[in-house]
């Protein structure tokens, strides 16, 4: 997807709109498949941005000698 530079909030708004359209159920099959694919791409972008933000926070906390206790190094909350 060429929109990798999209802001997190914009991606979430687009994803929410896609979900709204698909939940209405009146979208033709071909359009629903296209929307679903776009939604999956946006979901991946959001996921990647969240993981990147978490990694940055963990690094900042380590640099400040304060390691957060509720985040494990594999990115999963306890």
PDB file of N, CA and C in Angstrom:
ATOM      1  N   UNK A   1       0.839  -1.176   0.000  1.00  0.00           N
ATOM      2  CA  UNK A   1       0.000   0.000   0.000  1.00  0.00           C
ATOM      3  C   UNK A   1       0.881   1.235   0.000  1.00  0.00           C
ATOM      4  N   UNK A   2       0.629   2.154  -0.890  1.00  0.00           N
ATOM      5  CA  UNK A   2       1.449   3.343  -1.042  1.00  0.00           C
ATOM      6  C   UNK A   2       1.178   4.373   0.049  1.00  0.00           C
ATOM      7  N   UNK A   3       0.123   4.189   0.840  1.00  0.00           N
ATOM      8  CA  UNK A   3      -0.264   5.158   1.850  1.00  0.00           C
ATOM      9  C   UNK A   3       0.392   4.880   3.197  1.00  0.00           C
ATOM     10  N   UNK A   4       1.592   4.313   3.221  1.00  0.00           N
ATOM     11  CA  UNK A   4       2.269   3.980   4.471  1.00  0.00           C
ATOM     12  C   UNK A   4       2.508   5.233   5.311  1.00  0.00           C
ATOM     13  N   UNK A   5       2.551   6.398   4.690  1.00  0.00           N
ATOM     14  CA  UNK A   5       2.796   7.645   5.403  1.00  0.00           C
ATOM     15  C   UNK A   5       1.526   8.202   6.039  1.00  0.00           C
ATOM     16  N   UNK A   6       0.428   7.497   5.937  1.00  0.00           N
ATOM     17  CA  UNK A   6      -0.843   7.959   6.494  1.00  0.00           C
ATOM     18  C   UNK A   6      -0.729   8.037   8.016  1.00  0.00           C
ATOM     19  N   UNK A   7      -1.348   9.036   8.591  1.00  0.00           N
ATOM     20  CA  UNK A   7      -1.345   9.214  10.043  1.00  0.00           C
ATOM     21  C   UNK A   7      -2.249   8.163  10.676  1.00  0.00           C
ATOM     22  N   UNK A   8      -1.929   7.762  11.897  1.00  0.00           N
ATOM     23  CA  UNK A   8      -2.685   6.735  12.597  1.00  0.00           C
ATOM     24  C   UNK A   8      -4.165   7.092  12.691  1.00  0.00           C
ATOM     25  N   UNK A   9      -4.458   8.317  13.105  1.00  0.00           N
ATOM     26  CA  UNK A   9      -5.865   8.723  13.275  1.00  0.00           C
ATOM     27  C   UNK A   9      -6.626   8.681  11.955  1.00  0.00           C
ATOM     28  N   UNK A  10      -5.970   9.083  10.867  1.00  0.00           N
ATOM     29  CA  UNK A  10      -6.615   9.039   9.556  1.00  0.00           C
ATOM     30  C   UNK A  10      -6.901   7.599   9.140  1.00  0.00           C
ATOM     31  N   UNK A  11      -5.949   6.718   9.388  1.00  0.00           N
ATOM     32  CA  UNK A  11      -6.137   5.307   9.048  1.00  0.00           C
ATOM     33  C   UNK A  11      -7.286   4.717   9.859  1.00  0.00           C
ATOM     34  N   UNK A  12      -7.361   5.070  11.144  1.00  0.00           N
ATOM     35  CA  UNK A  12      -8.445   4.564  11.985  1.00  0.00           C
ATOM     36  C   UNK A  12      -9.800   5.075  11.513  1.00  0.00           C
ATOM     37  N   UNK A  13      -9.872   6.328  11.139  1.00  0.00           N
ATOM     38  CA  UNK A  13     -11.134   6.889  10.643  1.00  0.00           C
ATOM     39  C   UNK A  13     -11.578   6.185   9.367  1.00  0.00           C
ATOM     40  N   UNK A  14     -10.625   5.957   8.457  1.00  0.00           N
ATOM     41  CA  UNK A  14     -10.952   5.253   7.217  1.00  0.00           C
ATOM     42  C   UNK A  14     -11.406   3.826   7.511  1.00  0.00           C
ATOM     43  N   UNK A  15     -10.730   3.178   8.435  1.00  0.00           N
ATOM     44  CA  UNK A  15     -11.079   1.810   8.808  1.00  0.00           C
ATOM     45  C   UNK A  15     -12.481   1.762   9.427  1.00  0.00           C
ATOM     46  N   UNK A  16     -12.788   2.704  10.295  1.00  0.00           N
ATOM     47  CA  UNK A  16     -14.117   2.765  10.900  1.00  0.00           C
ATOM     48  C   UNK A  16     -15.201   2.971   9.846  1.00  0.00           C
ATOM     49  N   UNK A  17     -14.928   3.790   8.850  1.00  0.00           N
ATOM     50  CA  UNK A  17     -15.900   4.023   7.773  1.00  0.00           C
ATOM     51  C   UNK A  17     -16.112   2.743   6.959  1.00  0.00           C
ATOM     52  N   UNK A  18     -15.053   2.031   6.687  1.00  0.00           N
ATOM     53  CA  UNK A  18     -15.166   0.768   5.953  1.00  0.00           C
ATOM     54  C   UNK A  18     -16.011  -0.227   6.749  1.00  0.00           C
ATOM     55  N   UNK A  19     -15.745  -0.324   8.033  1.00  0.00           N
ATOM     56  CA  UNK A  19     -16.517  -1.232   8.886  1.00  0.00           C
ATOM     57  C   UNK A  19     -17.987  -0.838   8.876  1.00  0.00           C
ATOM     58  N   UNK A  20     -18.257   0.449   8.969  1.00  0.00           N
ATOM     59  CA  UNK A  20     -19.639   0.934   8.944  1.00  0.00           C
ATOM     60  C   UNK A  20     -20.333   0.520   7.652  1.00  0.00           C
ATOM     61  N   UNK A  21     -19.650   0.706   6.521  1.00  0.00           N
ATOM     62  CA  UNK A  21     -20.228   0.348   5.230  1.00  0.00           C
ATOM     63  C   UNK A  21     -20.493  -1.151   5.130  1.00  0.00           C
ATOM     64  N   UNK A  22     -19.532  -1.944   5.581  1.00  0.00           N
ATOM     65  CA  UNK A  22     -19.694  -3.393   5.500  1.00  0.00           C
ATOM     66  C   UNK A  22     -20.786  -3.888   6.446  1.00  0.00           C
ATOM     67  N   UNK A  23     -20.917  -3.270   7.607  1.00  0.00           N
ATOM     68  CA  UNK A  23     -21.942  -3.682   8.561  1.00  0.00           C
ATOM     69  C   UNK A  23     -23.349  -3.365   8.076  1.00  0.00           C
ATOM     70  N   UNK A  24     -23.486  -2.358   7.217  1.00  0.00           N
ATOM     71  CA  UNK A  24     -24.802  -2.027   6.679  1.00  0.00           C
ATOM     72  C   UNK A  24     -25.328  -3.172   5.806  1.00  0.00           C
ATOM     73  N   UNK A  25     -24.415  -3.890   5.177  1.00  0.00           N
ATOM     74  CA  UNK A  25     -24.805  -5.069   4.412  1.00  0.00           C
ATOM     75  C   UNK A  25     -25.387  -4.815   3.043  1.00  0.00           C
ATOM     76  N   UNK A  26     -25.449  -3.575   2.592  1.00  0.00           N
ATOM     77  CA  UNK A  26     -26.025  -3.294   1.279  1.00  0.00           C
ATOM     78  C   UNK A  26     -24.961  -2.977   0.222  1.00  0.00           C
ATOM     79  N   UNK A  27     -23.736  -3.432   0.469  1.00  0.00           N
ATOM     80  CA  UNK A  27     -22.629  -3.205  -0.459  1.00  0.00           C
ATOM     81  C   UNK A  27     -22.548  -4.405  -1.409  1.00  0.00           C
ATOM     82  N   UNK A  28     -22.461  -4.155  -2.718  1.00  0.00           N
ATOM     83  CA  UNK A  28     -22.308  -5.273  -3.661  1.00  0.00           C
ATOM     84  C   UNK A  28     -21.058  -6.099  -3.328  1.00  0.00           C
ATOM     85  N   UNK A  29     -21.089  -7.370  -3.656  1.00  0.00           N
ATOM     86  CA  UNK A  29     -20.015  -8.295  -3.299  1.00  0.00           C
ATOM     87  C   UNK A  29     -18.641  -7.796  -3.741  1.00  0.00           C
ATOM     88  N   UNK A  30     -18.521  -7.362  -4.979  1.00  0.00           N
ATOM     89  CA  UNK A  30     -17.221  -6.909  -5.491  1.00  0.00           C
ATOM     90  C   UNK A  30     -16.702  -5.722  -4.699  1.00  0.00           C
ATOM     91  N   UNK A  31     -17.589  -4.790  -4.387  1.00  0.00           N
ATOM     92  CA  UNK A  31     -17.186  -3.621  -3.600  1.00  0.00           C
ATOM     93  C   UNK A  31     -16.854  -4.038  -2.169  1.00  0.00           C
ATOM     94  N   UNK A  32     -17.591  -4.986  -1.628  1.00  0.00           N
ATOM     95  CA  UNK A  32     -17.326  -5.467  -0.270  1.00  0.00           C
ATOM     96  C   UNK A  32     -15.942  -6.093  -0.194  1.00  0.00           C
ATOM     97  N   UNK A  33     -15.561  -6.847  -1.209  1.00  0.00           N
ATOM     98  CA  UNK A  33     -14.229  -7.456  -1.223  1.00  0.00           C
ATOM     99  C   UNK A  33     -13.145  -6.392  -1.298  1.00  0.00           C
ATOM    100  N   UNK A  34     -13.373  -5.384  -2.119  1.00  0.00           N
ATOM    101  CA  UNK A  34     -12.409  -4.282  -2.228  1.00  0.00           C
ATOM    102  C   UNK A  34     -12.303  -3.531  -0.905  1.00  0.00           C
ATOM    103  N   UNK A  35     -13.433  -3.260  -0.279  1.00  0.00           N
ATOM    104  CA  UNK A  35     -13.427  -2.575   1.016  1.00  0.00           C
ATOM    105  C   UNK A  35     -12.732  -3.416   2.077  1.00  0.00           C
ATOM    106  N   UNK A  36     -12.995  -4.722   2.066  1.00  0.00           N
ATOM    107  CA  UNK A  36     -12.365  -5.613   3.034  1.00  0.00           C
ATOM    108  C   UNK A  36     -10.847  -5.597   2.877  1.00  0.00           C
ATOM    109  N   UNK A  37     -10.377  -5.666   1.633  1.00  0.00           N
ATOM    110  CA  UNK A  37      -8.933  -5.646   1.385  1.00  0.00           C
ATOM    111  C   UNK A  37      -8.325  -4.326   1.867  1.00  0.00           C
ATOM    112  N   UNK A  38      -8.966  -3.214   1.560  1.00  0.00           N
ATOM    113  CA  UNK A  38      -8.486  -1.904   2.006  1.00  0.00           C
ATOM    114  C   UNK A  38      -8.474  -1.847   3.534  1.00  0.00           C
ATOM    115  N   UNK A  39      -9.519  -2.404   4.159  1.00  0.00           N
ATOM    116  CA  UNK A  39      -9.590  -2.429   5.613  1.00  0.00           C
ATOM    117  C   UNK A  39      -8.453  -3.234   6.227  1.00  0.00           C
ATOM    118  N   UNK A  40      -8.125  -4.356   5.624  1.00  0.00           N
ATOM    119  CA  UNK A  40      -7.020  -5.170   6.125  1.00  0.00           C
ATOM    120  C   UNK A  40      -5.698  -4.419   6.011  1.00  0.00           C
ATOM    121  N   UNK A  41      -5.518  -3.692   4.919  1.00  0.00           N
ATOM    122  CA  UNK A  41      -4.296  -2.894   4.745  1.00  0.00           C
ATOM    123  C   UNK A  41      -4.219  -1.790   5.807  1.00  0.00           C
ATOM    124  N   UNK A  42      -5.341  -1.123   6.041  1.00  0.00           N
ATOM    125  CA  UNK A  42      -5.374  -0.067   7.056  1.00  0.00           C
ATOM    126  C   UNK A  42      -5.144  -0.646   8.446  1.00  0.00           C
ATOM    127  N   UNK A  43      -5.708  -1.819   8.706  1.00  0.00           N
ATOM    128  CA  UNK A  43      -5.514  -2.478   9.986  1.00  0.00           C
ATOM    129  C   UNK A  43      -4.039  -2.786  10.225  1.00  0.00           C
ATOM    130  N   UNK A  44      -3.357  -3.253   9.196  1.00  0.00           N
ATOM    131  CA  UNK A  44      -1.928  -3.550   9.314  1.00  0.00           C
ATOM    132  C   UNK A  44      -1.129  -2.271   9.578  1.00  0.00           C
ATOM    133  N   UNK A  45      -1.479  -1.203   8.886  1.00  0.00           N
ATOM    134  CA  UNK A  45      -0.800   0.077   9.109  1.00  0.00           C
ATOM    135  C   UNK A  45      -0.966   0.517  10.564  1.00  0.00           C
ATOM    136  N   UNK A  46      -2.194   0.441  11.077  1.00  0.00           N
ATOM    137  CA  UNK A  46      -2.450   0.836  12.466  1.00  0.00           C
ATOM    138  C   UNK A  46      -1.679  -0.052  13.432  1.00  0.00           C
ATOM    139  N   UNK A  47      -1.699  -1.345  13.185  1.00  0.00           N
ATOM    140  CA  UNK A  47      -0.984  -2.285  14.046  1.00  0.00           C
ATOM    141  C   UNK A  47       0.510  -1.977  14.058  1.00  0.00           C
ATOM    142  N   UNK A  48       1.083  -1.769  12.871  1.00  0.00           N
ATOM    143  CA  UNK A  48       2.513  -1.466  12.773  1.00  0.00           C
ATOM    144  C   UNK A  48       2.863  -0.170  13.498  1.00  0.00           C
ATOM    145  N   UNK A  49       2.015   0.853  13.346  1.00  0.00           N
ATOM    146  CA  UNK A  49       2.277   2.134  14.007  1.00  0.00           C
ATOM    147  C   UNK A  49       2.203   1.987  15.526  1.00  0.00           C
ATOM    148  N   UNK A  50       1.248   1.197  16.014  1.00  0.00           N
ATOM    149  CA  UNK A  50       1.142   0.971  17.457  1.00  0.00           C
ATOM    150  C   UNK A  50       2.345   0.208  17.984  1.00  0.00           C
ATOM    151  N   UNK A  51       2.794  -0.798  17.255  1.00  0.00           N
ATOM    152  CA  UNK A  51       3.978  -1.548  17.690  1.00  0.00           C
ATOM    153  C   UNK A  51       5.206  -0.658  17.707  1.00  0.00           C
ATOM    154  N   UNK A  52       5.338   0.199  16.702  1.00  0.00           N
ATOM    155  CA  UNK A  52       6.465   1.118  16.638  1.00  0.00           C
ATOM    156  C   UNK A  52       6.434   2.092  17.825  1.00  0.00           C
ATOM    157  N   UNK A  53       5.252   2.608  18.127  1.00  0.00           N
ATOM    158  CA  UNK A  53       5.122   3.527  19.258  1.00  0.00           C
ATOM    159  C   UNK A  53       5.479   2.821  20.567  1.00  0.00           C
ATOM    160  N   UNK A  54       5.024   1.587  20.723  1.00  0.00           N
ATOM    161  CA  UNK A  54       5.346   0.838  21.934  1.00  0.00           C
ATOM    162  C   UNK A  54       6.848   0.607  22.049  1.00  0.00           C
ATOM    163  N   UNK A  55       7.490   0.261  20.951  1.00  0.00           N
ATOM    164  CA  UNK A  55       8.942   0.051  20.970  1.00  0.00           C
ATOM    165  C   UNK A  55       9.676   1.326  21.357  1.00  0.00           C
ATOM    166  N   UNK A  56       9.228   2.452  20.823  1.00  0.00           N
ATOM    167  CA  UNK A  56       9.851   3.725  21.166  1.00  0.00           C
ATOM    168  C   UNK A  56       9.685   4.042  22.646  1.00  0.00           C
ATOM    169  N   UNK A  57       8.502   3.773  23.185  1.00  0.00           N
ATOM    170  CA  UNK A  57       8.267   4.031  24.607  1.00  0.00           C
ATOM    171  C   UNK A  57       9.135   3.136  25.483  1.00  0.00           C
ATOM    172  N   UNK A  58       9.234   1.870  25.127  1.00  0.00           N
ATOM    173  CA  UNK A  58      10.073   0.953  25.900  1.00  0.00           C
ATOM    174  C   UNK A  58      11.521   1.422  25.863  1.00  0.00           C
ATOM    175  N   UNK A  59      12.004   1.848  24.699  1.00  0.00           N
ATOM    176  CA  UNK A  59      13.369   2.350  24.565  1.00  0.00           C
ATOM    177  C   UNK A  59      13.575   3.600  25.415  1.00  0.00           C
ATOM    178  N   UNK A  60      12.613   4.515  25.370  1.00  0.00           N
ATOM    179  CA  UNK A  60      12.733   5.734  26.173  1.00  0.00           C
ATOM    180  C   UNK A  60      12.752   5.413  27.661  1.00  0.00           C
ATOM    181  N   UNK A  61      11.929   4.460  28.057  1.00  0.00           N
ATOM    182  CA  UNK A  61      11.883   4.084  29.468  1.00  0.00           C
ATOM    183  C   UNK A  61      13.200   3.430  29.884  1.00  0.00           C
ATOM    184  N   UNK A  62      13.779   2.607  29.019  1.00  0.00           N
ATOM    185  CA  UNK A  62      15.065   1.980  29.328  1.00  0.00           C
ATOM    186  C   UNK A  62      16.159   3.034  29.433  1.00  0.00           C
ATOM    187  N   UNK A  63      16.163   3.982  28.499  1.00  0.00           N
ATOM    188  CA  UNK A  63      17.172   5.039  28.513  1.00  0.00           C
ATOM    189  C   UNK A  63      17.070   5.880  29.782  1.00  0.00           C
ATOM    190  N   UNK A  64      15.856   6.005  30.302  1.00  0.00           N
ATOM    191  CA  UNK A  64      15.643   6.757  31.532  1.00  0.00           C
ATOM    192  C   UNK A  64      15.761   5.878  32.763  1.00  0.00           C
ATOM    193  N   UNK A  65      16.165   4.637  32.573  1.00  0.00           N
ATOM    194  CA  UNK A  65      16.353   3.661  33.655  1.00  0.00           C
ATOM    195  C   UNK A  65      15.051   3.286  34.355  1.00  0.00           C
ATOM    196  N   UNK A  66      13.930   3.589  33.727  1.00  0.00           N
ATOM    197  CA  UNK A  66      12.643   3.192  34.272  1.00  0.00           C
ATOM    198  C   UNK A  66      12.006   2.229  33.284  1.00  0.00           C
ATOM    199  N   UNK A  67      12.109   0.954  33.553  1.00  0.00           N
ATOM    200  CA  UNK A  67      11.528  -0.048  32.665  1.00  0.00           C
ATOM    201  C   UNK A  67      10.088  -0.293  33.110  1.00  0.00           C
ATOM    202  N   UNK A  68       9.123  -0.130  32.190  1.00  0.00           N
ATOM    203  CA  UNK A  68       7.729  -0.346  32.582  1.00  0.00           C
ATOM    204  C   UNK A  68       7.503  -1.798  32.998  1.00  0.00           C
ATOM    205  N   UNK A  69       6.726  -1.992  34.040  1.00  0.00           N
ATOM    206  CA  UNK A  69       6.513  -3.344  34.552  1.00  0.00           C
ATOM    207  C   UNK A  69       5.336  -4.036  33.908  1.00  0.00           C
ATOM    208  N   UNK A  70       4.457  -3.294  33.206  1.00  0.00           N
ATOM    209  CA  UNK A  70       3.286  -3.932  32.628  1.00  0.00           C
ATOM    210  C   UNK A  70       3.443  -4.243  31.142  1.00  0.00           C
ATOM    211  N   UNK A  71       4.637  -4.064  30.587  1.00  0.00           N
ATOM    212  CA  UNK A  71       4.891  -4.394  29.187  1.00  0.00           C
ATOM    213  C   UNK A  71       6.051  -5.359  29.127  1.00  0.00           C
ATOM    214  N   UNK A  72       5.781  -6.540  28.566  1.00  0.00           N
ATOM    215  CA  UNK A  72       6.852  -7.501  28.372  1.00  0.00           C
ATOM    216  C   UNK A  72       7.604  -7.142  27.103  1.00  0.00           C
ATOM    217  N   UNK A  73       8.803  -7.655  26.962  1.00  0.00           N
ATOM    218  CA  UNK A  73       9.632  -7.319  25.824  1.00  0.00           C
ATOM    219  C   UNK A  73       9.084  -7.825  24.490  1.00  0.00           C
ATOM    220  N   UNK A  74       8.208  -8.830  24.504  1.00  0.00           N
ATOM    221  CA  UNK A  74       7.652  -9.310  23.244  1.00  0.00           C
ATOM    222  C   UNK A  74       6.460  -8.481  22.786  1.00  0.00           C
ATOM    223  N   UNK A  75       6.135  -7.426  23.526  1.00  0.00           N
ATOM    224  CA  UNK A  75       5.077  -6.523  23.113  1.00  0.00           C
ATOM    225  C   UNK A  75       3.711  -6.869  23.639  1.00  0.00           C
ATOM    226  N   UNK A  76       3.593  -7.927  24.429  1.00  0.00           N
ATOM    227  CA  UNK A  76       2.307  -8.329  24.987  1.00  0.00           C
ATOM    228  C   UNK A  76       2.164  -7.802  26.395  1.00  0.00           C
ATOM    229  N   UNK A  77       0.984  -7.323  26.698  1.00  0.00           N
ATOM    230  CA  UNK A  77       0.730  -6.869  28.065  1.00  0.00           C
ATOM    231  C   UNK A  77       0.633  -8.070  28.980  1.00  0.00           C
ATOM    232  N   UNK A  78       1.017  -7.861  30.224  1.00  0.00           N
ATOM    233  CA  UNK A  78       0.936  -8.946  31.204  1.00  0.00           C
ATOM    234  C   UNK A  78      -0.499  -9.220  31.593  1.00  0.00           C
TER     235      UNK A  78
END
